[in-house]
N, C-alpha and C. Protein backbone atom coordinates (compact mmCIF):
# COMPACT_ATOMS: atom_id res chain seq x y z
N MET A 1 -13.58 -18.57 -24.25
CA MET A 1 -14.55 -20.37 -23.58
C MET A 1 -16.31 -20.91 -23.91
N ILE A 2 -15.76 -22.07 -23.62
CA ILE A 2 -16.18 -23.76 -23.94
C ILE A 2 -17.75 -23.65 -22.46
N ILE A 3 -18.57 -23.44 -22.79
CA ILE A 3 -19.79 -23.88 -22.50
C ILE A 3 -20.69 -25.64 -23.09
N ASP A 4 -19.91 -26.49 -22.50
CA ASP A 4 -20.66 -28.14 -22.47
C ASP A 4 -21.26 -29.00 -22.05
N SER A 5 -20.88 -29.80 -22.37
CA SER A 5 -21.32 -30.90 -21.58
C SER A 5 -19.60 -31.44 -21.22
N VAL A 6 -20.02 -32.60 -20.26
CA VAL A 6 -17.87 -33.09 -20.54
C VAL A 6 -17.97 -33.75 -21.93
N LYS A 7 -19.79 -34.77 -22.06
CA LYS A 7 -19.37 -36.33 -22.57
C LYS A 7 -19.78 -35.53 -23.79
N ASN A 8 -19.82 -34.36 -24.44
CA ASN A 8 -18.82 -33.59 -25.79
C ASN A 8 -17.85 -33.45 -25.61
N ALA A 9 -16.97 -33.39 -24.75
CA ALA A 9 -15.25 -33.00 -24.89
C ALA A 9 -14.71 -33.45 -26.40
N ALA A 10 -14.25 -34.30 -26.78
CA ALA A 10 -14.14 -34.75 -27.55
C ALA A 10 -13.84 -34.02 -29.54
N LYS A 11 -15.19 -33.17 -29.47
CA LYS A 11 -15.68 -31.79 -30.19
C LYS A 11 -14.05 -30.74 -30.29
N TYR A 12 -13.63 -31.12 -28.98
CA TYR A 12 -12.60 -29.67 -28.29
C TYR A 12 -11.67 -30.10 -28.45
N TYR A 13 -11.10 -31.43 -28.64
CA TYR A 13 -10.05 -32.06 -29.20
C TYR A 13 -9.05 -31.37 -30.20
N SER A 14 -9.32 -30.58 -30.99
CA SER A 14 -8.58 -30.20 -31.48
C SER A 14 -8.52 -28.83 -30.92
N VAL A 15 -8.77 -28.14 -30.30
CA VAL A 15 -8.35 -26.26 -29.63
C VAL A 15 -6.80 -26.42 -29.77
N HIS A 16 -7.26 -26.92 -28.31
CA HIS A 16 -6.12 -27.47 -28.02
C HIS A 16 -5.26 -28.95 -27.95
N PRO A 17 -4.06 -29.01 -28.24
CA PRO A 17 -2.85 -30.38 -28.74
C PRO A 17 -3.51 -30.86 -26.46
N ARG A 18 -3.35 -30.45 -25.66
CA ARG A 18 -3.42 -30.97 -24.55
C ARG A 18 -5.13 -31.07 -24.15
N PHE A 19 -5.84 -31.29 -24.68
CA PHE A 19 -7.20 -31.24 -23.80
C PHE A 19 -8.34 -32.59 -24.51
N ALA A 20 -7.10 -33.39 -24.92
CA ALA A 20 -8.08 -34.36 -25.07
C ALA A 20 -6.78 -35.87 -24.17
N LYS A 21 -5.88 -35.32 -23.48
CA LYS A 21 -5.28 -35.86 -22.07
C LYS A 21 -5.71 -34.83 -21.09
N ALA A 22 -6.62 -34.27 -21.02
CA ALA A 22 -6.79 -33.59 -19.67
C ALA A 22 -8.51 -33.62 -18.98
N PHE A 23 -8.98 -33.78 -20.07
CA PHE A 23 -10.85 -34.95 -20.49
C PHE A 23 -10.68 -36.09 -20.61
N GLU A 24 -9.26 -36.87 -20.87
CA GLU A 24 -9.01 -38.08 -20.51
C GLU A 24 -9.14 -38.77 -19.66
N TYR A 25 -8.22 -37.39 -18.60
CA TYR A 25 -8.28 -37.63 -16.51
C TYR A 25 -9.12 -36.96 -15.77
N ILE A 26 -9.84 -36.47 -16.80
CA ILE A 26 -11.76 -36.06 -15.92
C ILE A 26 -12.20 -37.98 -15.93
N ASN A 27 -12.04 -38.12 -16.78
CA ASN A 27 -13.39 -39.18 -17.54
C ASN A 27 -13.23 -40.38 -16.86
N SER A 28 -11.50 -40.53 -16.75
CA SER A 28 -10.98 -41.72 -16.39
C SER A 28 -11.21 -41.35 -14.30
N THR A 29 -11.54 -40.63 -13.56
CA THR A 29 -11.34 -40.66 -12.86
C THR A 29 -12.39 -40.33 -11.76
N ASP A 30 -12.51 -40.63 -10.47
CA ASP A 30 -13.70 -40.47 -9.93
C ASP A 30 -13.86 -39.25 -8.74
N LEU A 31 -13.73 -37.95 -9.79
CA LEU A 31 -13.29 -36.41 -9.65
C LEU A 31 -14.72 -36.42 -8.15
N ALA A 32 -15.46 -36.59 -7.13
CA ALA A 32 -16.40 -36.19 -6.10
C ALA A 32 -15.18 -37.38 -5.04
N SER A 33 -13.99 -38.19 -5.56
CA SER A 33 -13.38 -38.99 -4.22
C SER A 33 -11.82 -38.34 -4.22
N VAL A 34 -12.00 -37.41 -4.78
CA VAL A 34 -10.62 -37.40 -4.90
C VAL A 34 -10.34 -35.89 -3.91
N GLU A 35 -9.32 -35.54 -2.71
CA GLU A 35 -9.10 -34.97 -1.91
C GLU A 35 -8.88 -33.47 -2.83
N PRO A 36 -9.32 -32.85 -1.19
CA PRO A 36 -8.95 -30.69 -1.78
C PRO A 36 -7.03 -30.81 -2.06
N GLY A 37 -7.03 -30.21 -3.17
CA GLY A 37 -5.71 -30.06 -3.20
C GLY A 37 -4.54 -29.66 -5.01
N LYS A 38 -3.91 -29.66 -4.92
CA LYS A 38 -3.23 -29.77 -6.78
C LYS A 38 -2.70 -31.00 -6.93
N TYR A 39 -2.73 -31.02 -8.20
CA TYR A 39 -2.83 -33.35 -8.74
C TYR A 39 -1.11 -32.44 -10.01
N GLU A 40 0.09 -33.26 -10.54
CA GLU A 40 0.80 -33.09 -11.50
C GLU A 40 -0.53 -34.49 -12.14
N ILE A 41 -0.99 -34.42 -13.69
CA ILE A 41 -1.69 -35.57 -14.38
C ILE A 41 -0.36 -35.78 -15.06
N ASP A 42 0.10 -35.70 -15.67
CA ASP A 42 1.23 -36.06 -16.82
C ASP A 42 2.53 -35.23 -16.33
N GLY A 43 3.02 -34.89 -16.07
CA GLY A 43 4.80 -34.52 -16.33
C GLY A 43 4.84 -33.47 -16.78
N ASP A 44 4.15 -32.91 -16.92
CA ASP A 44 4.42 -31.91 -18.42
C ASP A 44 4.08 -30.86 -18.08
N GLY A 45 2.98 -30.29 -16.96
CA GLY A 45 2.20 -28.41 -16.68
C GLY A 45 1.32 -28.50 -16.99
N LEU A 46 0.50 -30.57 -17.32
CA LEU A 46 -1.24 -30.44 -17.21
C LEU A 46 -1.35 -31.25 -15.73
N LYS A 47 -1.80 -30.38 -15.46
CA LYS A 47 -2.93 -30.17 -13.21
C LYS A 47 -4.56 -29.95 -12.77
N ALA A 48 -4.82 -30.48 -12.19
CA ALA A 48 -6.08 -30.34 -11.67
C ALA A 48 -5.72 -29.90 -10.30
N ASN A 49 -6.88 -28.85 -9.85
CA ASN A 49 -7.19 -28.28 -8.60
C ASN A 49 -8.04 -29.10 -7.92
N PHE A 50 -8.14 -29.58 -8.23
CA PHE A 50 -9.56 -29.45 -6.87
C PHE A 50 -9.53 -28.44 -5.76
N SER A 51 -11.22 -28.25 -4.53
CA SER A 51 -11.92 -28.29 -4.35
C SER A 51 -12.73 -28.11 -3.33
N ASN A 52 -13.24 -28.21 -2.41
CA ASN A 52 -14.43 -28.74 -1.33
C ASN A 52 -15.36 -27.08 -1.26
N LYS A 53 -14.23 -26.70 -2.30
CA LYS A 53 -15.24 -25.46 -1.70
C LYS A 53 -17.01 -24.92 -2.05
N LYS A 54 -17.00 -24.39 -1.62
CA LYS A 54 -18.81 -23.82 -2.19
C LYS A 54 -18.89 -23.40 -3.36
N GLY A 55 -19.94 -23.66 -4.18
CA GLY A 55 -19.26 -22.95 -5.27
C GLY A 55 -20.45 -21.34 -5.19
N MET A 56 -19.48 -20.46 -6.04
CA MET A 56 -19.86 -19.03 -5.65
C MET A 56 -21.49 -18.56 -6.73
N THR A 57 -21.60 -17.33 -5.57
CA THR A 57 -22.34 -17.02 -5.89
C THR A 57 -22.79 -15.60 -7.34
N ALA A 58 -23.17 -14.89 -8.14
CA ALA A 58 -23.47 -14.57 -9.03
C ALA A 58 -21.98 -12.95 -8.61
N GLU A 59 -22.81 -12.84 -7.24
CA GLU A 59 -21.62 -10.93 -6.55
C GLU A 59 -20.35 -12.26 -6.46
N GLU A 60 -20.30 -13.38 -6.16
CA GLU A 60 -19.15 -14.01 -5.53
C GLU A 60 -17.90 -13.37 -6.90
N SER A 61 -18.72 -14.54 -7.77
CA SER A 61 -17.62 -14.17 -8.42
C SER A 61 -17.27 -13.56 -9.42
N VAL A 62 -17.61 -11.33 -9.46
CA VAL A 62 -17.46 -10.09 -9.70
C VAL A 62 -16.03 -10.81 -8.66
N ALA A 63 -15.92 -10.55 -7.53
CA ALA A 63 -14.62 -10.34 -7.14
C ALA A 63 -13.23 -10.79 -7.45
N LYS A 64 -13.96 -12.51 -8.10
CA LYS A 64 -12.80 -13.61 -8.44
C LYS A 64 -12.04 -13.56 -10.01
N PHE A 65 -13.44 -12.57 -11.55
CA PHE A 65 -13.38 -11.97 -12.22
C PHE A 65 -11.45 -11.83 -12.58
N GLU A 66 -12.07 -13.35 -13.47
CA GLU A 66 -9.90 -13.63 -13.81
C GLU A 66 -9.83 -13.84 -15.09
N CYS A 67 -8.36 -14.04 -16.23
CA CYS A 67 -8.18 -14.00 -16.93
C CYS A 67 -6.93 -14.33 -16.80
N HIS A 68 -6.23 -15.63 -17.60
CA HIS A 68 -5.43 -15.73 -18.12
C HIS A 68 -4.33 -15.13 -19.35
N ASP A 69 -2.97 -14.83 -19.25
CA ASP A 69 -2.23 -14.84 -20.98
C ASP A 69 -2.19 -16.40 -21.15
N LYS A 70 -1.65 -17.45 -21.06
CA LYS A 70 -0.28 -18.85 -21.10
C LYS A 70 -1.92 -20.14 -20.54
N ASN A 71 -2.67 -20.57 -19.32
CA ASN A 71 -3.00 -21.49 -19.93
C ASN A 71 -4.45 -21.14 -19.31
N ILE A 72 -5.01 -22.10 -19.80
CA ILE A 72 -6.69 -22.46 -20.13
C ILE A 72 -7.35 -22.69 -18.49
N ASP A 73 -8.19 -22.94 -18.08
CA ASP A 73 -8.61 -23.72 -17.16
C ASP A 73 -10.26 -24.05 -17.27
N ILE A 74 -10.00 -25.43 -16.68
CA ILE A 74 -11.54 -25.53 -17.38
C ILE A 74 -11.94 -26.47 -16.49
N GLN A 75 -13.60 -25.61 -15.94
CA GLN A 75 -13.89 -25.68 -14.91
C GLN A 75 -14.71 -26.91 -14.80
N LEU A 76 -14.88 -27.84 -13.81
CA LEU A 76 -16.18 -28.15 -13.07
C LEU A 76 -16.05 -28.67 -12.66
N CYS A 77 -18.21 -28.34 -12.44
CA CYS A 77 -18.32 -28.05 -10.59
C CYS A 77 -18.98 -30.06 -10.40
N ILE A 78 -18.64 -30.01 -9.66
CA ILE A 78 -18.88 -31.78 -9.16
C ILE A 78 -20.51 -31.98 -8.50
N SER A 79 -20.17 -31.29 -7.65
CA SER A 79 -21.46 -31.51 -7.15
C SER A 79 -21.94 -29.51 -6.35
N GLY A 80 -23.10 -29.86 -6.81
CA GLY A 80 -23.93 -28.50 -6.71
C GLY A 80 -23.77 -27.97 -7.82
N LYS A 81 -23.78 -26.99 -7.21
CA LYS A 81 -24.60 -25.31 -8.17
C LYS A 81 -23.42 -24.18 -7.94
N GLU A 82 -23.13 -23.63 -9.50
CA GLU A 82 -21.86 -22.45 -8.86
C GLU A 82 -22.44 -21.52 -10.39
N LYS A 83 -22.71 -20.12 -10.23
CA LYS A 83 -22.63 -19.86 -11.88
C LYS A 83 -21.33 -19.10 -11.71
N ILE A 84 -21.19 -18.81 -13.17
CA ILE A 84 -19.45 -18.20 -13.53
C ILE A 84 -20.33 -16.97 -14.35
N GLY A 85 -20.14 -16.12 -14.54
CA GLY A 85 -19.56 -15.26 -15.16
C GLY A 85 -19.11 -15.10 -16.06
N TRP A 86 -19.13 -14.24 -17.12
CA TRP A 86 -17.69 -14.59 -18.28
C TRP A 86 -18.57 -12.89 -18.70
N LYS A 87 -17.43 -12.30 -19.67
CA LYS A 87 -17.11 -10.95 -20.40
C LYS A 87 -15.70 -11.12 -21.32
N PRO A 88 -16.03 -11.02 -22.71
CA PRO A 88 -14.99 -10.68 -24.22
C PRO A 88 -13.65 -10.22 -23.18
N ARG A 89 -12.46 -10.45 -22.32
CA ARG A 89 -11.25 -9.99 -21.73
C ARG A 89 -10.98 -8.40 -22.97
N GLU A 90 -11.24 -8.46 -24.00
CA GLU A 90 -10.80 -7.69 -24.12
C GLU A 90 -12.12 -6.09 -23.92
N LYS A 91 -12.92 -6.57 -23.36
CA LYS A 91 -13.90 -5.69 -23.44
C LYS A 91 -14.19 -5.63 -21.60
N CYS A 92 -12.92 -6.37 -20.77
CA CYS A 92 -12.59 -5.49 -20.04
C CYS A 92 -11.57 -4.39 -19.55
N THR A 93 -12.38 -3.86 -18.89
CA THR A 93 -11.56 -2.23 -18.68
C THR A 93 -11.21 -1.86 -17.12
N THR A 94 -11.59 -2.60 -15.79
CA THR A 94 -11.35 -2.92 -14.36
C THR A 94 -10.02 -3.35 -14.52
N PRO A 95 -9.13 -3.04 -14.70
CA PRO A 95 -8.08 -3.89 -13.67
C PRO A 95 -8.75 -3.75 -11.70
N ASN A 96 -8.32 -5.54 -11.17
CA ASN A 96 -8.63 -5.14 -9.68
C ASN A 96 -6.96 -6.40 -9.79
N GLY A 97 -6.08 -4.70 -9.75
CA GLY A 97 -4.47 -5.07 -9.26
C GLY A 97 -3.31 -5.98 -10.71
N ALA A 98 -1.83 -5.48 -10.41
CA ALA A 98 -1.45 -5.91 -11.39
C ALA A 98 -1.56 -7.60 -12.01
N TYR A 99 -1.27 -7.52 -12.93
CA TYR A 99 -1.23 -9.86 -13.50
C TYR A 99 -0.14 -9.61 -13.02
N ASN A 100 -0.47 -11.01 -12.55
CA ASN A 100 0.67 -12.11 -11.75
C ASN A 100 1.10 -12.88 -12.75
N ALA A 101 2.75 -13.14 -13.04
CA ALA A 101 3.30 -13.62 -14.26
C ALA A 101 2.76 -14.97 -13.42
N GLU A 102 4.06 -15.13 -12.36
CA GLU A 102 3.95 -16.16 -11.99
C GLU A 102 2.70 -17.88 -12.10
N LYS A 103 1.69 -16.83 -11.61
CA LYS A 103 0.56 -17.00 -11.17
C LYS A 103 -0.27 -17.45 -12.59
N ASP A 104 -0.08 -16.80 -13.16
CA ASP A 104 -0.23 -16.70 -15.08
C ASP A 104 -1.74 -15.61 -15.07
N LEU A 105 -2.55 -14.93 -14.45
CA LEU A 105 -3.88 -14.12 -13.05
C LEU A 105 -3.90 -12.53 -13.28
N GLN A 106 -4.82 -12.76 -13.94
CA GLN A 106 -4.80 -11.19 -14.21
C GLN A 106 -6.44 -11.02 -13.44
N LEU A 107 -6.62 -10.74 -11.92
CA LEU A 107 -8.37 -10.41 -12.02
C LEU A 107 -8.36 -8.63 -12.83
N TYR A 108 -9.77 -8.71 -12.41
CA TYR A 108 -11.20 -7.45 -13.10
C TYR A 108 -11.58 -7.24 -11.97
N SER A 109 -12.12 -6.16 -12.34
CA SER A 109 -13.84 -5.86 -10.99
C SER A 109 -14.42 -5.01 -12.39
N ASP A 110 -14.69 -5.86 -13.57
CA ASP A 110 -15.85 -5.53 -14.30
C ASP A 110 -16.76 -6.38 -13.96
N GLN A 111 -18.25 -6.10 -14.23
CA GLN A 111 -19.22 -6.33 -14.16
C GLN A 111 -19.89 -7.34 -15.41
N PRO A 112 -19.93 -8.75 -15.63
CA PRO A 112 -20.14 -10.01 -16.40
C PRO A 112 -20.61 -9.38 -17.15
N ASP A 113 -20.73 -9.67 -18.53
CA ASP A 113 -21.30 -9.14 -19.88
C ASP A 113 -22.87 -10.46 -19.30
N THR A 114 -22.27 -12.30 -19.26
CA THR A 114 -23.52 -12.86 -18.90
C THR A 114 -22.79 -13.92 -17.46
N TYR A 115 -24.02 -14.48 -17.37
CA TYR A 115 -23.80 -15.62 -16.43
C TYR A 115 -24.31 -16.92 -17.15
N PHE A 116 -23.52 -17.86 -16.73
CA PHE A 116 -23.78 -19.28 -17.13
C PHE A 116 -23.75 -20.54 -15.13
N ASP A 117 -24.90 -20.94 -15.40
CA ASP A 117 -24.98 -22.13 -14.50
C ASP A 117 -24.86 -23.42 -14.05
């Protein structure tokens, strides 16, 4: 997991070949005015998912403690606050349901090791 400011995104372009395109979209879009929904960014699977839900509390984040095998999430809180729990996946021991290959999603019921605001 990378925790940093969007203004430092260029430092991480070498981590994945599509990070530059993802952050180009983030930096060229008025994120606060985008309607909730899923948007295709490049026609090759790079997507943006916008929600106007209230940010999660520490307790709520445990209920949606998620991991992915194939995809990478770039999480941005556009307004308000959100608390994000984190724990190395290899330390997660309590799956919450089966892995969903279609959504590339595994939920866990583990308590995070740390939280980020």
